[in-house]
PDB file of N, CA and C in Angstrom:
ATOM      1  N   MET A   1       1.338   7.589  -4.569  1.00  0.00           N
ATOM      2  CA  MET A   1       0.495   6.767  -5.396  1.00  0.00           C
ATOM      3  C   MET A   1       1.001   5.330  -5.322  1.00  0.00           C
ATOM      4  N   ILE A   2       0.088   4.416  -5.127  1.00  0.00           N
ATOM      5  CA  ILE A   2       0.394   2.989  -5.186  1.00  0.00           C
ATOM      6  C   ILE A   2      -0.210   2.455  -6.479  1.00  0.00           C
ATOM      7  N   GLU A   3       0.616   1.767  -7.245  1.00  0.00           N
ATOM      8  CA  GLU A   3       0.160   1.148  -8.481  1.00  0.00           C
ATOM      9  C   GLU A   3       0.159  -0.362  -8.263  1.00  0.00           C
ATOM     10  N   ILE A   4      -1.027  -0.965  -8.264  1.00  0.00           N
ATOM     11  CA  ILE A   4      -1.144  -2.415  -8.118  1.00  0.00           C
ATOM     12  C   ILE A   4      -1.195  -2.996  -9.521  1.00  0.00           C
ATOM     13  N   ARG A   5      -0.155  -3.734  -9.863  1.00  0.00           N
ATOM     14  CA  ARG A   5      -0.018  -4.258 -11.227  1.00  0.00           C
ATOM     15  C   ARG A   5      -0.614  -5.650 -11.371  1.00  0.00           C
ATOM     16  N   ARG A   6      -0.425  -6.467 -10.327  1.00  0.00           N
ATOM     17  CA  ARG A   6      -0.886  -7.854 -10.401  1.00  0.00           C
ATOM     18  C   ARG A   6      -0.976  -8.409  -8.996  1.00  0.00           C
ATOM     19  N   VAL A   7      -1.982  -9.273  -8.775  1.00  0.00           N
ATOM     20  CA  VAL A   7      -2.120  -9.990  -7.510  1.00  0.00           C
ATOM     21  C   VAL A   7      -2.157 -11.476  -7.837  1.00  0.00           C
ATOM     22  N   ALA A   8      -1.223 -12.231  -7.281  1.00  0.00           N
ATOM     23  CA  ALA A   8      -1.151 -13.680  -7.504  1.00  0.00           C
ATOM     24  C   ALA A   8      -2.153 -14.400  -6.599  1.00  0.00           C
ATOM     25  N   PRO A   9      -2.511 -15.637  -6.927  1.00  0.00           N
ATOM     26  CA  PRO A   9      -3.446 -16.398  -6.093  1.00  0.00           C
ATOM     27  C   PRO A   9      -3.004 -16.520  -4.627  1.00  0.00           C
ATOM     28  N   ASP A  10      -1.685 -16.510  -4.357  1.00  0.00           N
ATOM     29  CA  ASP A  10      -1.220 -16.612  -2.967  1.00  0.00           C
ATOM     30  C   ASP A  10      -1.201 -15.259  -2.256  1.00  0.00           C
ATOM     31  N   GLY A  11      -1.627 -14.189  -2.944  1.00  0.00           N
ATOM     32  CA  GLY A  11      -1.711 -12.869  -2.318  1.00  0.00           C
ATOM     33  C   GLY A  11      -0.516 -11.968  -2.577  1.00  0.00           C
ATOM     34  N   THR A  12       0.589 -12.523  -3.081  1.00  0.00           N
ATOM     35  CA  THR A  12       1.727 -11.651  -3.377  1.00  0.00           C
ATOM     36  C   THR A  12       1.338 -10.710  -4.513  1.00  0.00           C
ATOM     37  N   MET A  13       1.806  -9.484  -4.388  1.00  0.00           N
ATOM     38  CA  MET A  13       1.449  -8.460  -5.357  1.00  0.00           C
ATOM     39  C   MET A  13       2.685  -7.912  -6.047  1.00  0.00           C
ATOM     40  N   GLN A  14       2.511  -7.527  -7.294  1.00  0.00           N
ATOM     41  CA  GLN A  14       3.492  -6.705  -7.979  1.00  0.00           C
ATOM     42  C   GLN A  14       2.939  -5.294  -7.877  1.00  0.00           C
ATOM     43  N   ALA A  15       3.686  -4.415  -7.207  1.00  0.00           N
ATOM     44  CA  ALA A  15       3.187  -3.068  -6.967  1.00  0.00           C
ATOM     45  C   ALA A  15       4.316  -2.055  -7.098  1.00  0.00           C
ATOM     46  N   GLY A  16       3.936  -0.839  -7.428  1.00  0.00           N
ATOM     47  CA  GLY A  16       4.868   0.268  -7.482  1.00  0.00           C
ATOM     48  C   GLY A  16       4.403   1.356  -6.539  1.00  0.00           C
ATOM     49  N   TYR A  17       5.331   2.174  -6.087  1.00  0.00           N
ATOM     50  CA  TYR A  17       4.999   3.287  -5.201  1.00  0.00           C
ATOM     51  C   TYR A  17       5.717   4.525  -5.723  1.00  0.00           C
ATOM     52  N   PHE A  18       5.017   5.642  -5.761  1.00  0.00           N
ATOM     53  CA  PHE A  18       5.549   6.880  -6.320  1.00  0.00           C
ATOM     54  C   PHE A  18       5.214   8.050  -5.384  1.00  0.00           C
ATOM     55  N   ASN A  19       6.235   8.874  -5.047  1.00  0.00           N
ATOM     56  CA  ASN A  19       6.021   9.973  -4.101  1.00  0.00           C
ATOM     57  C   ASN A  19       6.908  11.179  -4.416  1.00  0.00           C
ATOM     58  N   PRO A  20       6.869  11.901  -5.462  1.00  0.00           N
ATOM     59  CA  PRO A  20       6.290  11.503  -6.746  1.00  0.00           C
ATOM     60  C   PRO A  20       7.207  10.574  -7.534  1.00  0.00           C
ATOM     61  N   ARG A  21       8.489  10.497  -7.166  1.00  0.00           N
ATOM     62  CA  ARG A  21       9.405   9.595  -7.876  1.00  0.00           C
ATOM     63  C   ARG A  21       9.206   8.168  -7.388  1.00  0.00           C
ATOM     64  N   PRO A  22       9.649   7.180  -8.167  1.00  0.00           N
ATOM     65  CA  PRO A  22       9.500   5.784  -7.736  1.00  0.00           C
ATOM     66  C   PRO A  22      10.307   5.491  -6.469  1.00  0.00           C
ATOM     67  N   ILE A  23       9.697   4.765  -5.551  1.00  0.00           N
ATOM     68  CA  ILE A  23      10.327   4.279  -4.324  1.00  0.00           C
ATOM     69  C   ILE A  23      10.253   2.748  -4.388  1.00  0.00           C
ATOM     70  N   ASN A  24      11.336   2.072  -4.042  1.00  0.00           N
ATOM     71  CA  ASN A  24      11.374   0.612  -4.128  1.00  0.00           C
ATOM     72  C   ASN A  24      10.377  -0.038  -3.169  1.00  0.00           C
ATOM     73  N   VAL A  25       9.550  -0.932  -3.710  1.00  0.00           N
ATOM     74  CA  VAL A  25       8.624  -1.748  -2.917  1.00  0.00           C
ATOM     75  C   VAL A  25       9.318  -3.081  -2.675  1.00  0.00           C
ATOM     76  N   SER A  26       9.622  -3.383  -1.410  1.00  0.00           N
ATOM     77  CA  SER A  26      10.306  -4.641  -1.102  1.00  0.00           C
ATOM     78  C   SER A  26       9.336  -5.792  -0.888  1.00  0.00           C
ATOM     79  N   ARG A  27       8.101  -5.468  -0.513  1.00  0.00           N
ATOM     80  CA  ARG A  27       7.096  -6.510  -0.261  1.00  0.00           C
ATOM     81  C   ARG A  27       5.721  -5.903  -0.441  1.00  0.00           C
ATOM     82  N   ALA A  28       4.846  -6.630  -1.098  1.00  0.00           N
ATOM     83  CA  ALA A  28       3.455  -6.205  -1.247  1.00  0.00           C
ATOM     84  C   ALA A  28       2.580  -7.451  -1.223  1.00  0.00           C
ATOM     85  N   GLU A  29       1.556  -7.428  -0.385  1.00  0.00           N
ATOM     86  CA  GLU A  29       0.684  -8.596  -0.217  1.00  0.00           C
ATOM     87  C   GLU A  29      -0.765  -8.162  -0.059  1.00  0.00           C
ATOM     88  N   ALA A  30      -1.653  -9.002  -0.546  1.00  0.00           N
ATOM     89  CA  ALA A  30      -3.089  -8.830  -0.349  1.00  0.00           C
ATOM     90  C   ALA A  30      -3.610 -10.045   0.406  1.00  0.00           C
ATOM     91  N   SER A  31      -4.582  -9.815   1.283  1.00  0.00           N
ATOM     92  CA  SER A  31      -5.192 -10.902   2.044  1.00  0.00           C
ATOM     93  C   SER A  31      -6.610 -10.481   2.418  1.00  0.00           C
ATOM     94  N   ILE A  32      -7.309 -11.366   3.093  1.00  0.00           N
ATOM     95  CA  ILE A  32      -8.643 -11.058   3.601  1.00  0.00           C
ATOM     96  C   ILE A  32      -8.541 -10.894   5.112  1.00  0.00           C
ATOM     97  N   PHE A  33      -9.103  -9.793   5.629  1.00  0.00           N
ATOM     98  CA  PHE A  33      -9.119  -9.506   7.056  1.00  0.00           C
ATOM     99  C   PHE A  33     -10.525  -9.069   7.428  1.00  0.00           C
ATOM    100  N   LYS A  34     -11.211  -9.881   8.221  1.00  0.00           N
ATOM    101  CA  LYS A  34     -12.580  -9.576   8.648  1.00  0.00           C
ATOM    102  C   LYS A  34     -13.466  -9.178   7.471  1.00  0.00           C
ATOM    103  N   GLU A  35     -13.451 -10.003   6.427  1.00  0.00           N
ATOM    104  CA  GLU A  35     -14.272  -9.835   5.227  1.00  0.00           C
ATOM    105  C   GLU A  35     -13.884  -8.632   4.373  1.00  0.00           C
ATOM    106  N   HIS A  36     -12.737  -8.024   4.621  1.00  0.00           N
ATOM    107  CA  HIS A  36     -12.248  -6.900   3.824  1.00  0.00           C
ATOM    108  C   HIS A  36     -10.946  -7.298   3.139  1.00  0.00           C
ATOM    109  N   ILE A  37     -10.704  -6.715   1.985  1.00  0.00           N
ATOM    110  CA  ILE A  37      -9.423  -6.903   1.321  1.00  0.00           C
ATOM    111  C   ILE A  37      -8.398  -6.042   2.046  1.00  0.00           C
ATOM    112  N   LYS A  38      -7.312  -6.672   2.461  1.00  0.00           N
ATOM    113  CA  LYS A  38      -6.232  -5.981   3.166  1.00  0.00           C
ATOM    114  C   LYS A  38      -5.011  -5.937   2.253  1.00  0.00           C
ATOM    115  N   VAL A  39      -4.376  -4.790   2.180  1.00  0.00           N
ATOM    116  CA  VAL A  39      -3.177  -4.606   1.365  1.00  0.00           C
ATOM    117  C   VAL A  39      -2.061  -4.122   2.272  1.00  0.00           C
ATOM    118  N   GLU A  40      -0.909  -4.784   2.197  1.00  0.00           N
ATOM    119  CA  GLU A  40       0.274  -4.371   2.950  1.00  0.00           C
ATOM    120  C   GLU A  40       1.407  -4.122   1.964  1.00  0.00           C
ATOM    121  N   VAL A  41       2.050  -2.969   2.104  1.00  0.00           N
ATOM    122  CA  VAL A  41       3.150  -2.588   1.219  1.00  0.00           C
ATOM    123  C   VAL A  41       4.312  -2.126   2.085  1.00  0.00           C
ATOM    124  N   GLU A  42       5.479  -2.716   1.859  1.00  0.00           N
ATOM    125  CA  GLU A  42       6.687  -2.323   2.587  1.00  0.00           C
ATOM    126  C   GLU A  42       7.653  -1.655   1.620  1.00  0.00           C
ATOM    127  N   LEU A  43       8.199  -0.512   2.036  1.00  0.00           N
ATOM    128  CA  LEU A  43       9.133   0.256   1.214  1.00  0.00           C
ATOM    129  C   LEU A  43      10.546   0.092   1.750  1.00  0.00           C
ATOM    130  N   ARG A  44      11.499  -0.125   0.858  1.00  0.00           N
ATOM    131  CA  ARG A  44      12.928  -0.212   1.221  1.00  0.00           C
ATOM    132  C   ARG A  44      13.706   0.590   0.182  1.00  0.00           C
ATOM    133  N   ASP A  45      14.074   1.801   0.579  1.00  0.00           N
ATOM    134  CA  ASP A  45      14.802   2.683  -0.324  1.00  0.00           C
ATOM    135  C   ASP A  45      15.436   3.779   0.523  1.00  0.00           C
ATOM    136  N   THR A  46      16.198   4.659  -0.099  1.00  0.00           N
ATOM    137  CA  THR A  46      16.801   5.770   0.622  1.00  0.00           C
ATOM    138  C   THR A  46      15.703   6.589   1.293  1.00  0.00           C
ATOM    139  N   GLY A  47      15.789   6.733   2.607  1.00  0.00           N
ATOM    140  CA  GLY A  47      14.775   7.457   3.366  1.00  0.00           C
ATOM    141  C   GLY A  47      13.551   6.633   3.715  1.00  0.00           C
ATOM    142  N   TYR A  48      13.493   5.404   3.248  1.00  0.00           N
ATOM    143  CA  TYR A  48      12.350   4.513   3.494  1.00  0.00           C
ATOM    144  C   TYR A  48      12.863   3.149   3.947  1.00  0.00           C
ATOM    145  N   PRO A  49      13.446   3.068   5.138  1.00  0.00           N
ATOM    146  CA  PRO A  49      14.063   1.812   5.600  1.00  0.00           C
ATOM    147  C   PRO A  49      13.055   0.842   6.228  1.00  0.00           C
ATOM    148  N   GLY A  50      12.066   0.419   5.450  1.00  0.00           N
ATOM    149  CA  GLY A  50      11.090  -0.524   5.982  1.00  0.00           C
ATOM    150  C   GLY A  50       9.783   0.101   6.405  1.00  0.00           C
ATOM    151  N   SER A  51       9.507   1.316   5.977  1.00  0.00           N
ATOM    152  CA  SER A  51       8.214   1.942   6.259  1.00  0.00           C
ATOM    153  C   SER A  51       7.115   1.128   5.580  1.00  0.00           C
ATOM    154  N   THR A  52       5.936   1.083   6.194  1.00  0.00           N
ATOM    155  CA  THR A  52       4.873   0.224   5.676  1.00  0.00           C
ATOM    156  C   THR A  52       3.525   0.928   5.581  1.00  0.00           C
ATOM    157  N   TYR A  53       2.745   0.491   4.610  1.00  0.00           N
ATOM    158  CA  TYR A  53       1.338   0.862   4.495  1.00  0.00           C
ATOM    159  C   TYR A  53       0.520  -0.366   4.857  1.00  0.00           C
ATOM    160  N   THR A  54      -0.481  -0.193   5.709  1.00  0.00           N
ATOM    161  CA  THR A  54      -1.447  -1.238   6.041  1.00  0.00           C
ATOM    162  C   THR A  54      -2.813  -0.648   5.721  1.00  0.00           C
ATOM    163  N   LEU A  55      -3.494  -1.239   4.739  1.00  0.00           N
ATOM    164  CA  LEU A  55      -4.697  -0.640   4.170  1.00  0.00           C
ATOM    165  C   LEU A  55      -5.819  -1.661   4.033  1.00  0.00           C
ATOM    166  N   LEU A  56      -7.050  -1.190   4.173  1.00  0.00           N
ATOM    167  CA  LEU A  56      -8.234  -2.005   3.924  1.00  0.00           C
ATOM    168  C   LEU A  56      -9.023  -1.355   2.801  1.00  0.00           C
ATOM    169  N   TYR A  57      -9.579  -2.190   1.915  1.00  0.00           N
ATOM    170  CA  TYR A  57     -10.369  -1.675   0.803  1.00  0.00           C
ATOM    171  C   TYR A  57     -11.789  -1.389   1.255  1.00  0.00           C
ATOM    172  N   ASP A  58     -12.270  -0.163   0.972  1.00  0.00           N
ATOM    173  CA  ASP A  58     -13.652   0.239   1.253  1.00  0.00           C
ATOM    174  C   ASP A  58     -14.379   0.324  -0.093  1.00  0.00           C
ATOM    175  N   PRO A  59     -15.237  -0.675  -0.404  1.00  0.00           N
ATOM    176  CA  PRO A  59     -15.907  -0.670  -1.709  1.00  0.00           C
ATOM    177  C   PRO A  59     -16.867   0.503  -1.886  1.00  0.00           C
ATOM    178  N   ASN A  60     -17.438   1.027  -0.819  1.00  0.00           N
ATOM    179  CA  ASN A  60     -18.355   2.168  -0.927  1.00  0.00           C
ATOM    180  C   ASN A  60     -17.630   3.426  -1.394  1.00  0.00           C
ATOM    181  N   LYS A  61     -16.377   3.578  -0.998  1.00  0.00           N
ATOM    182  CA  LYS A  61     -15.574   4.740  -1.394  1.00  0.00           C
ATOM    183  C   LYS A  61     -14.634   4.415  -2.554  1.00  0.00           C
ATOM    184  N   ASP A  62     -14.559   3.128  -2.920  1.00  0.00           N
ATOM    185  CA  ASP A  62     -13.609   2.644  -3.919  1.00  0.00           C
ATOM    186  C   ASP A  62     -12.217   3.175  -3.591  1.00  0.00           C
ATOM    187  N   ALA A  63     -11.826   2.951  -2.341  1.00  0.00           N
ATOM    188  CA  ALA A  63     -10.562   3.503  -1.839  1.00  0.00           C
ATOM    189  C   ALA A  63      -9.914   2.535  -0.856  1.00  0.00           C
ATOM    190  N   LEU A  64      -8.600   2.676  -0.710  1.00  0.00           N
ATOM    191  CA  LEU A  64      -7.845   1.959   0.315  1.00  0.00           C
ATOM    192  C   LEU A  64      -7.630   2.914   1.485  1.00  0.00           C
ATOM    193  N   LEU A  65      -8.027   2.491   2.692  1.00  0.00           N
ATOM    194  CA  LEU A  65      -7.926   3.316   3.889  1.00  0.00           C
ATOM    195  C   LEU A  65      -7.057   2.610   4.915  1.00  0.00           C
ATOM    196  N   GLY A  66      -6.271   3.358   5.657  1.00  0.00           N
ATOM    197  CA  GLY A  66      -5.468   2.729   6.685  1.00  0.00           C
ATOM    198  C   GLY A  66      -4.431   3.660   7.240  1.00  0.00           C
ATOM    199  N   TYR A  67      -3.248   3.102   7.474  1.00  0.00           N
ATOM    200  CA  TYR A  67      -2.189   3.937   8.042  1.00  0.00           C
ATOM    201  C   TYR A  67      -0.844   3.640   7.411  1.00  0.00           C
ATOM    202  N   TYR A  68       0.016   4.632   7.527  1.00  0.00           N
ATOM    203  CA  TYR A  68       1.393   4.556   7.062  1.00  0.00           C
ATOM    204  C   TYR A  68       2.278   4.616   8.292  1.00  0.00           C
ATOM    205  N   TYR A  69       3.107   3.605   8.477  1.00  0.00           N
ATOM    206  CA  TYR A  69       4.056   3.606   9.591  1.00  0.00           C
ATOM    207  C   TYR A  69       5.394   4.103   9.069  1.00  0.00           C
ATOM    208  N   GLN A  70       5.807   5.277   9.537  1.00  0.00           N
ATOM    209  CA  GLN A  70       7.060   5.893   9.138  1.00  0.00           C
ATOM    210  C   GLN A  70       8.121   5.449  10.133  1.00  0.00           C
ATOM    211  N   VAL A  71       9.013   4.549   9.695  1.00  0.00           N
ATOM    212  CA  VAL A  71       9.988   3.908  10.576  1.00  0.00           C
ATOM    213  C   VAL A  71      10.922   4.922  11.243  1.00  0.00           C
ATOM    214  N   VAL A  72      11.454   5.862  10.469  1.00  0.00           N
ATOM    215  CA  VAL A  72      12.435   6.811  11.008  1.00  0.00           C
ATOM    216  C   VAL A  72      11.841   7.617  12.155  1.00  0.00           C
ATOM    217  N   GLN A  73      10.606   8.117  11.972  1.00  0.00           N
ATOM    218  CA  GLN A  73       9.935   8.908  13.005  1.00  0.00           C
ATOM    219  C   GLN A  73       9.192   8.054  14.024  1.00  0.00           C
ATOM    220  N   ARG A  74       9.057   6.757  13.725  1.00  0.00           N
ATOM    221  CA  ARG A  74       8.299   5.833  14.576  1.00  0.00           C
ATOM    222  C   ARG A  74       6.882   6.352  14.836  1.00  0.00           C
ATOM    223  N   GLN A  75       6.220   6.757  13.762  1.00  0.00           N
ATOM    224  CA  GLN A  75       4.873   7.310  13.871  1.00  0.00           C
ATOM    225  C   GLN A  75       3.960   6.701  12.822  1.00  0.00           C
ATOM    226  N   ASN A  76       2.670   6.596  13.173  1.00  0.00           N
ATOM    227  CA  ASN A  76       1.627   6.192  12.233  1.00  0.00           C
ATOM    228  C   ASN A  76       0.906   7.426  11.721  1.00  0.00           C
ATOM    229  N   PHE A  77       0.552   7.417  10.455  1.00  0.00           N
ATOM    230  CA  PHE A  77      -0.210   8.491   9.838  1.00  0.00           C
ATOM    231  C   PHE A  77      -1.401   7.869   9.124  1.00  0.00           C
ATOM    232  N   ASP A  78      -2.593   8.435   9.328  1.00  0.00           N
ATOM    233  CA  ASP A  78      -3.780   7.979   8.611  1.00  0.00           C
ATOM    234  C   ASP A  78      -3.647   8.354   7.141  1.00  0.00           C
ATOM    235  N   VAL A  79      -4.019   7.423   6.251  1.00  0.00           N
ATOM    236  CA  VAL A  79      -3.921   7.664   4.816  1.00  0.00           C
ATOM    237  C   VAL A  79      -5.139   7.124   4.082  1.00  0.00           C
ATOM    238  N   ILE A  80      -5.394   7.705   2.917  1.00  0.00           N
ATOM    239  CA  ILE A  80      -6.452   7.246   2.017  1.00  0.00           C
ATOM    240  C   ILE A  80      -5.887   7.281   0.602  1.00  0.00           C
ATOM    241  N   PHE A  81      -6.063   6.178  -0.128  1.00  0.00           N
ATOM    242  CA  PHE A  81      -5.696   6.120  -1.535  1.00  0.00           C
ATOM    243  C   PHE A  81      -6.980   5.930  -2.329  1.00  0.00           C
ATOM    244  N   VAL A  82      -7.285   6.876  -3.211  1.00  0.00           N
ATOM    245  CA  VAL A  82      -8.486   6.831  -4.041  1.00  0.00           C
ATOM    246  C   VAL A  82      -8.089   6.342  -5.429  1.00  0.00           C
ATOM    247  N   ARG A  83      -8.899   5.468  -6.007  1.00  0.00           N
ATOM    248  CA  ARG A  83      -8.597   4.895  -7.318  1.00  0.00           C
ATOM    249  C   ARG A  83      -8.549   5.987  -8.392  1.00  0.00           C
ATOM    250  N   MET A  84      -7.509   5.923  -9.219  1.00  0.00           N
ATOM    251  CA  MET A  84      -7.398   6.797 -10.384  1.00  0.00           C
ATOM    252  C   MET A  84      -7.728   5.965 -11.612  1.00  0.00           C
ATOM    253  N   VAL A  85      -8.529   6.508 -12.488  1.00  0.00           N
ATOM    254  CA  VAL A  85      -8.900   5.808 -13.693  1.00  0.00           C
ATOM    255  C   VAL A  85      -8.042   6.336 -14.841  1.00  0.00           C
ATOM    256  N   ASN A  86      -7.357   5.409 -15.544  1.00  0.00           N
ATOM    257  CA  ASN A  86      -6.560   5.795 -16.706  1.00  0.00           C
ATOM    258  C   ASN A  86      -7.488   6.066 -17.886  1.00  0.00           C
ATOM    259  N   GLN A  87      -7.208   7.180 -18.554  1.00  0.00           N
ATOM    260  CA  GLN A  87      -8.042   7.523 -19.724  1.00  0.00           C
ATOM    261  C   GLN A  87      -7.194   7.654 -20.944  1.00  0.00           C
TER     262      GLN A  87
END
C-alpha cells in the first residue's frame, strides 16, 4: 500500500509504503508525463536497497498503474494500486 499524504507544488511528495509493515520511502515525486500524472517512489530499507515504483494515474480506473523495479533481483514487475477510501 502506498499512502500519499501530501504533494508540494514542486512535485515532492510525503508518502508512506506498507508491505504490510512500514518500509522507508527515501524519495517520492509526482510529475506530468504525456498528460498523465506520474508517481515515482523509491524505497530504502532492509531488503529494499533502492527499489522503485514508477506509476501513471489512470482516472478511468482511479488507480496507479506501472511497474516495480526490484533492485536485488534486477527485475520489473507489473503493479496496480487501487484507491482505498477511508470510512
